[in-house]
Each structure stands twice: as structure tokens, then as C-alpha cells.
Amino acid sequence: MFLPIGWWVCVSLLVPSKAPAPVAAPARATNASAAADEPAPRSGRAVHVAAKLDRYLAGAARTLDARPREVLGRIPDGERRALAVAYYLRQQDQVDTLWTWPEAERRSYEQTDRYRRTMADIRRVTQTFAELNPGYRLVADTVGRPLRTQVLFWNRERSVAAAARELHDSGLVWLDDETFPDLPDSASLLGFIERLARYQPALLPTVAVPGLSMHGRLRAFDFAVLRRGEVVAGTTSTTIDSVWDRGGWAEKLRLAVTMSGSDLAGPLEAPREPWHYEYRPEMR
């Protein structure tokens, strides 16, 4: 079963993880203790290196294709923007083949045989799942993910913030090395770009960098499990262990995909998303 985009937002990453109740702030200290509570100002050296990092990141961004550069202007947070630069550098040879289609191009693709075969495969998967799991329904996001939605995910997803902070801290360490001049020249900028393109955060973002999501060309699809209209297994990373693994839905979905004989491949392993499958007939 396919659902309209308005419903799908309810089980997508647009639904934030449950946050703890706010804790009342302690009474503000006075005199000497108040000064101790204030964050320590950054040293002159730290400010210097941070400004240096900004210059190198700006230089790296200028080497990108015009499409990623335009998206960078829609990412207000500097650390998230820097992480996007790193991913764009790493995947710059895929921009032409992966960049998200505008609406007109997406509608044109929906008239193709490949699209019709893809939708037929998804129908087989949902039918097989229903036969194997009476009382439950499998639904798929087949609308695609426009660029504006991908940007929204990137700007608010917590895993992006964690990976971005990790990159920022690493970048400060790299550029504290005096072998990188204060003002990047061609050689030092190239060295920085190579290091940035190789960078891999310990905690991977759970959304693709805007523009390069497989959802943007209707090549990737997220599934959710429903019972009596209620979401049993949705597309939030916090439910992977408790619902998808311990509840068995990851294996049940994988079995339905396999038994349906579809050309869907998956699930996505890095970052792990047991609900994410891609249409790849070339793998059969």
C-alpha cells in the first residue's frame, strides 16, 4: 500500500525523538560564583585556528558543483554546513547521476517503464508481507524526497549535529598544524580538501547529504508497518533496537522482500536503516 506524503511525514525523520522533560534552571549565582559559571572565553589561539578553518572550508566549498554550493546557502549552522562540504567533496563524481530531480523531471520519470516496474515490485512486497503477517500492513513512501525536505532533515537531525561537531573538532586539530598557512594557497587547500574528503565520522548521520539521497530519484524507498491504522514500526532510528530488531520486523520485512521476487535490494547497512530498500534490478 502506498500513502500520500502528508501521512508519511508522520512516521519520517520529521518526527523528532522524544525529548526529556525540561529541567528548571538553577538560581543564578552572584558575584564571584557567577563568573565561575560563565563559559570560559576561547583563547586567542583557538579563535585564530577557528577563523583559519572557516577560510579553508570556504575555499573547499568554492571547488564544488553549483548545485551543492546553492544548497550550502540553505544550511545556516556552520558545523552542519562544513559536514555537508565534506560529503559533497567525497561524492562529487556522483552529482550528475544522483542529484535530486526537480518536480518536472520526477513527473516525467513516473511515465517510464522502469518506474512502473518499480511500483509493481513494491506492490508484490506489500502483498507478500500481508500474507506472511495477517493483521499487519506494510506501507511504502513512493512519493520521493524533494530537495527542500532533504535540507530540512539535514538542518534538524540530531545525528548530523553530532557528526558535524566531530568534524569541526577534527578540523581544528588539523589546522593547528603550522604546515597549513593562515591563508590557504593552492597546495595547502588541496591537502585540506583531500583530508576532508577522506574524513569519516565515528557516528554516521542518519540522513543523506541534501541532493544526494537515493530517495530524490525514486531509487530508494522506506517502509513502515501498520496495524489497524497505527504505526507499529516506523522510520525513526531510535526504534531500530527496540522495535525493528527485538520486535522482529527487520527480519519480517527482509523475508517479504526476498520471497516476493522483487528487484529491491537492502536493507541499508551504513547507517543502518532496516526499513530502507533500493530498486536495483542490475543486481539480479
Protein backbone atom coordinates (compact mmCIF):
# COMPACT_ATOMS: atom_id res chain seq x y z
CA MET A 1 0.00 0.00 0.00
CA PHE A 2 1.22 3.47 -0.84
CA LEU A 3 0.43 6.53 1.25
CA PRO A 4 0.39 10.28 0.42
CA ILE A 5 3.28 12.46 1.52
CA GLY A 6 1.23 14.18 4.23
CA TRP A 7 0.82 10.94 6.13
CA TRP A 8 4.36 9.80 5.58
CA VAL A 9 5.79 12.85 7.30
CA CYS A 10 4.21 11.50 10.48
CA VAL A 11 6.49 8.44 10.52
CA SER A 12 9.51 10.03 8.89
CA LEU A 13 12.50 11.75 10.40
CA LEU A 14 10.37 14.85 10.68
CA VAL A 15 9.03 13.27 13.87
CA PRO A 16 11.64 14.20 16.48
CA SER A 17 12.79 11.69 19.06
CA LYS A 18 11.03 12.03 22.39
CA ALA A 19 12.84 14.63 24.43
CA PRO A 20 13.13 14.56 28.22
CA ALA A 21 11.06 16.99 30.23
CA PRO A 22 12.79 20.33 30.70
CA VAL A 23 14.67 20.80 33.94
CA ALA A 24 14.24 24.05 35.81
CA ALA A 25 17.33 26.22 35.63
CA PRO A 26 19.14 26.74 38.95
CA ALA A 27 19.06 30.17 40.51
CA ARG A 28 21.73 32.43 39.04
CA ALA A 29 24.80 32.73 41.21
CA THR A 30 26.08 36.11 42.29
CA ASN A 31 29.44 37.86 42.45
CA ALA A 32 32.47 35.52 42.13
CA SER A 33 30.41 32.35 41.72
CA ALA A 34 28.52 33.90 38.79
CA ALA A 35 31.75 34.50 36.94
CA ALA A 36 32.76 30.89 37.52
CA ASP A 37 29.54 29.67 35.90
CA GLU A 38 30.11 31.65 32.71
CA PRO A 39 31.72 29.71 29.82
CA ALA A 40 35.39 30.45 29.58
CA PRO A 41 36.26 32.65 26.61
CA ARG A 42 38.23 30.98 23.88
CA SER A 43 41.93 31.69 23.85
CA GLY A 44 43.42 33.87 21.18
CA ARG A 45 44.95 30.77 19.59
CA ALA A 46 41.61 28.96 19.47
CA VAL A 47 39.93 31.95 17.83
CA HIS A 48 42.77 32.17 15.33
CA VAL A 49 42.52 28.48 14.35
CA ALA A 50 38.70 28.65 14.11
CA ALA A 51 38.95 31.56 11.67
CA LYS A 52 41.59 29.65 9.73
CA LEU A 53 39.25 26.65 9.50
CA ASP A 54 36.48 28.89 8.14
CA ARG A 55 38.82 30.13 5.39
CA TYR A 56 39.80 26.62 4.35
CA LEU A 57 36.20 25.43 4.36
CA ALA A 58 35.17 28.39 2.21
CA GLY A 59 37.95 27.56 -0.23
CA ALA A 60 36.87 23.91 -0.37
CA ALA A 61 33.24 24.91 -0.97
CA ARG A 62 34.23 27.04 -3.94
CA THR A 63 35.53 23.92 -5.74
CA LEU A 64 32.10 22.25 -5.68
CA ASP A 65 29.50 21.99 -8.40
CA ALA A 66 26.99 24.86 -8.49
CA ARG A 67 24.15 22.63 -7.24
CA PRO A 68 25.77 21.70 -3.92
CA ARG A 69 27.01 25.28 -3.49
CA GLU A 70 23.44 26.53 -3.75
CA VAL A 71 22.31 24.08 -1.06
CA LEU A 72 25.09 25.19 1.30
CA GLY A 73 23.39 28.59 1.38
CA ARG A 74 20.34 26.90 2.91
CA ILE A 75 22.26 25.38 5.84
CA PRO A 76 22.53 28.15 8.45
CA ASP A 77 24.57 26.22 11.02
CA GLY A 78 28.28 26.43 10.20
CA GLU A 79 29.19 22.99 11.54
CA ARG A 80 26.41 21.23 9.62
CA ARG A 81 27.42 23.19 6.54
CA ALA A 82 31.04 22.03 6.93
CA LEU A 83 29.93 18.41 7.19
CA ALA A 84 27.90 18.85 4.00
CA VAL A 85 31.02 20.18 2.25
CA ALA A 86 32.90 17.04 3.30
CA TYR A 87 30.22 14.75 1.89
CA TYR A 88 29.92 16.74 -1.33
CA LEU A 89 33.67 16.50 -1.86
CA ARG A 90 33.58 12.74 -1.28
CA GLN A 91 30.68 12.23 -3.70
CA GLN A 92 31.39 14.92 -6.27
CA ASP A 93 31.66 12.32 -9.05
CA GLN A 94 28.07 11.26 -8.29
CA VAL A 95 26.38 14.65 -8.52
CA ASP A 96 25.24 14.17 -12.12
CA THR A 97 23.90 10.65 -11.53
CA LEU A 98 22.34 11.14 -8.08
CA TRP A 99 21.29 14.78 -7.78
CA THR A 100 17.63 15.07 -6.80
CA TRP A 101 15.26 15.67 -9.69
CA PRO A 102 13.12 18.81 -9.78
CA GLU A 103 9.36 18.26 -9.86
CA ALA A 104 9.02 18.29 -13.66
CA GLU A 105 11.75 15.70 -14.10
CA ARG A 106 10.24 13.48 -11.44
CA ARG A 107 6.83 13.59 -13.15
CA SER A 108 8.47 12.67 -16.45
CA TYR A 109 10.19 9.68 -14.84
CA GLU A 110 6.85 8.47 -13.49
CA GLN A 111 5.77 7.82 -17.09
CA THR A 112 8.61 5.38 -17.74
CA ASP A 113 8.59 1.57 -17.79
CA ARG A 114 11.27 1.48 -15.10
CA TYR A 115 9.05 3.41 -12.73
CA ARG A 116 6.10 1.11 -13.45
CA ARG A 117 8.27 -1.95 -12.79
CA THR A 118 9.46 -0.41 -9.54
CA MET A 119 5.91 0.21 -8.33
CA ALA A 120 4.90 -3.32 -9.31
CA ASP A 121 7.77 -4.70 -7.25
CA ILE A 122 6.74 -2.66 -4.22
CA ARG A 123 3.17 -3.92 -4.56
CA ARG A 124 4.46 -7.51 -4.58
CA VAL A 125 6.46 -6.84 -1.42
CA THR A 126 3.49 -5.34 0.45
CA GLN A 127 1.19 -8.17 -0.66
CA THR A 128 3.71 -10.83 0.38
CA PHE A 129 4.19 -9.12 3.74
CA ALA A 130 0.42 -9.08 4.37
CA GLU A 131 0.19 -12.79 3.56
CA LEU A 132 3.06 -13.63 5.93
CA ASN A 133 1.83 -11.34 8.73
CA PRO A 134 -2.00 -11.43 8.97
CA GLY A 135 -3.44 -8.35 10.61
CA TYR A 136 -0.50 -6.12 9.65
CA ARG A 137 0.05 -3.88 6.64
CA LEU A 138 3.24 -2.71 5.03
CA VAL A 139 3.23 0.78 3.52
CA ALA A 140 5.86 2.45 1.38
CA ASP A 141 6.91 6.04 0.77
CA THR A 142 6.77 6.18 -3.03
CA VAL A 143 6.45 9.96 -3.39
CA GLY A 144 10.18 10.59 -3.28
CA ARG A 145 12.04 13.14 -1.22
CA PRO A 146 12.32 16.63 -2.73
CA LEU A 147 15.39 18.72 -2.12
CA ARG A 148 13.65 21.08 0.31
CA THR A 149 12.73 18.10 2.54
CA GLN A 150 16.28 16.76 2.44
CA VAL A 151 17.58 20.17 3.52
CA LEU A 152 15.06 20.27 6.36
CA PHE A 153 16.18 16.83 7.57
CA TRP A 154 19.84 17.86 7.46
CA ASN A 155 19.18 21.06 9.40
CA ARG A 156 17.32 19.39 12.26
CA GLU A 157 18.54 15.77 12.54
CA ARG A 158 20.48 15.20 15.77
CA SER A 159 22.88 12.67 14.26
CA VAL A 160 24.00 15.32 11.75
CA ALA A 161 24.78 17.71 14.61
CA ALA A 162 26.87 15.07 16.39
CA ALA A 163 28.85 14.19 13.27
CA ALA A 164 29.27 17.88 12.42
CA ARG A 165 30.71 18.68 15.85
CA GLU A 166 33.14 15.77 15.49
CA LEU A 167 34.31 17.09 12.12
CA HIS A 168 34.67 20.64 13.47
CA ASP A 169 36.86 19.45 16.33
CA SER A 170 38.97 17.37 13.95
CA GLY A 171 39.36 20.30 11.58
CA LEU A 172 40.67 22.50 14.37
CA VAL A 173 43.31 19.88 15.15
CA TRP A 174 44.35 19.60 11.51
CA LEU A 175 44.75 23.35 11.05
CA ASP A 176 46.54 23.92 14.35
CA ASP A 177 49.46 22.40 12.43
CA GLU A 178 51.66 25.22 11.13
CA THR A 179 52.23 23.33 7.86
CA PHE A 180 48.86 24.80 6.85
CA PRO A 181 49.43 28.54 6.25
CA ASP A 182 46.93 31.01 7.63
CA LEU A 183 45.80 31.93 4.13
CA PRO A 184 45.29 28.80 2.01
CA ASP A 185 47.34 28.57 -1.17
CA SER A 186 46.68 26.03 -3.92
CA ALA A 187 48.86 23.31 -2.38
CA SER A 188 47.60 23.65 1.20
CA LEU A 189 43.97 23.91 0.08
CA LEU A 190 44.38 20.75 -1.99
CA GLY A 191 45.82 18.95 1.04
CA PHE A 192 42.92 20.13 3.20
CA ILE A 193 40.36 19.06 0.57
CA GLU A 194 41.91 15.59 0.32
CA ARG A 195 41.79 15.19 4.08
CA LEU A 196 38.23 16.50 4.26
CA ALA A 197 37.05 14.15 1.50
CA ARG A 198 38.55 11.16 3.34
CA TYR A 199 37.01 12.14 6.67
CA GLN A 200 34.60 9.62 8.19
CA PRO A 201 32.82 10.50 11.46
CA ALA A 202 32.58 7.82 14.12
CA LEU A 203 28.83 8.43 14.37
CA LEU A 204 27.30 8.48 10.90
CA PRO A 205 24.45 10.87 10.07
CA THR A 206 21.19 9.01 9.61
CA VAL A 207 20.17 11.13 6.62
CA ALA A 208 21.96 11.67 3.31
CA VAL A 209 23.55 14.99 2.49
CA PRO A 210 20.92 17.13 0.70
CA GLY A 211 20.69 16.47 -3.02
CA LEU A 212 22.41 13.08 -2.98
CA SER A 213 19.71 10.98 -1.34
CA MET A 214 18.62 7.92 -3.33
CA HIS A 215 15.08 8.99 -2.44
CA GLY A 216 15.50 12.06 -4.65
CA ARG A 217 15.33 9.97 -7.85
CA LEU A 218 12.83 7.38 -6.63
CA ARG A 219 15.52 4.75 -6.31
CA ALA A 220 15.13 4.24 -2.55
CA PHE A 221 12.01 3.51 -0.54
CA ASP A 222 11.24 3.46 3.17
CA PHE A 223 8.71 1.00 4.59
CA ALA A 224 6.62 1.13 7.75
CA VAL A 225 4.45 -1.47 9.45
CA LEU A 226 0.88 -0.63 10.47
CA ARG A 227 -1.83 -2.41 12.41
CA ARG A 228 -5.37 -1.04 12.42
CA GLY A 229 -4.06 2.26 11.16
CA GLU A 230 -1.48 2.65 13.93
CA VAL A 231 2.25 2.66 13.24
CA VAL A 232 3.91 -0.43 14.70
CA ALA A 233 7.36 0.07 13.18
CA GLY A 234 8.22 3.49 11.75
CA THR A 235 11.29 5.14 10.27
CA THR A 236 13.00 6.62 13.32
CA SER A 237 16.49 5.45 14.26
CA THR A 238 15.67 5.30 17.97
CA THR A 239 13.33 2.35 17.28
CA ILE A 240 15.84 0.11 15.49
CA ASP A 241 16.86 -1.94 18.54
CA SER A 242 13.57 -1.99 20.45
CA VAL A 243 11.12 -2.38 17.55
CA TRP A 244 12.81 -3.47 14.35
CA ASP A 245 15.27 -5.93 15.92
CA ARG A 246 13.67 -7.19 19.13
CA GLY A 247 10.20 -6.97 17.60
CA GLY A 248 11.37 -8.97 14.60
CA TRP A 249 10.15 -6.52 11.96
CA ALA A 250 13.54 -6.13 10.28
CA GLU A 251 13.66 -9.86 9.51
CA LYS A 252 9.97 -10.00 8.55
CA LEU A 253 10.44 -7.18 6.05
CA ARG A 254 13.61 -8.75 4.65
CA LEU A 255 11.78 -12.06 4.22
CA ALA A 256 8.88 -10.40 2.40
CA VAL A 257 11.29 -8.65 0.02
CA THR A 258 13.10 -11.92 -0.69
CA MET A 259 10.00 -14.08 -1.12
CA SER A 260 8.28 -11.53 -3.37
CA GLY A 261 10.97 -11.98 -6.02
CA SER A 262 11.32 -8.21 -6.34
CA ASP A 263 14.38 -6.28 -7.52
CA LEU A 264 14.61 -4.40 -4.24
CA ALA A 265 18.00 -4.62 -2.51
CA GLY A 266 18.73 -3.91 1.12
CA PRO A 267 18.32 -3.02 3.84
CA LEU A 268 20.71 -0.10 4.16
CA GLU A 269 23.65 -1.03 6.40
CA ALA A 270 25.59 2.23 6.89
CA PRO A 271 23.95 3.98 8.57
CA ARG A 272 21.73 1.08 9.47
CA GLU A 273 18.11 1.52 8.38
CA PRO A 274 16.16 -1.76 8.35
CA TRP A 275 13.24 -0.04 6.62
CA HIS A 276 15.29 1.31 3.67
CA TYR A 277 15.44 -0.63 0.37
CA GLU A 278 16.63 0.38 -3.10
CA TYR A 279 15.40 -0.65 -6.54
CA ARG A 280 18.40 -2.34 -8.19
CA PRO A 281 17.40 -4.73 -10.99
CA GLU A 282 21.02 -4.80 -12.17
CA MET A 283 21.94 -6.80 -9.05
CA ARG A 284 19.85 -9.83 -10.04
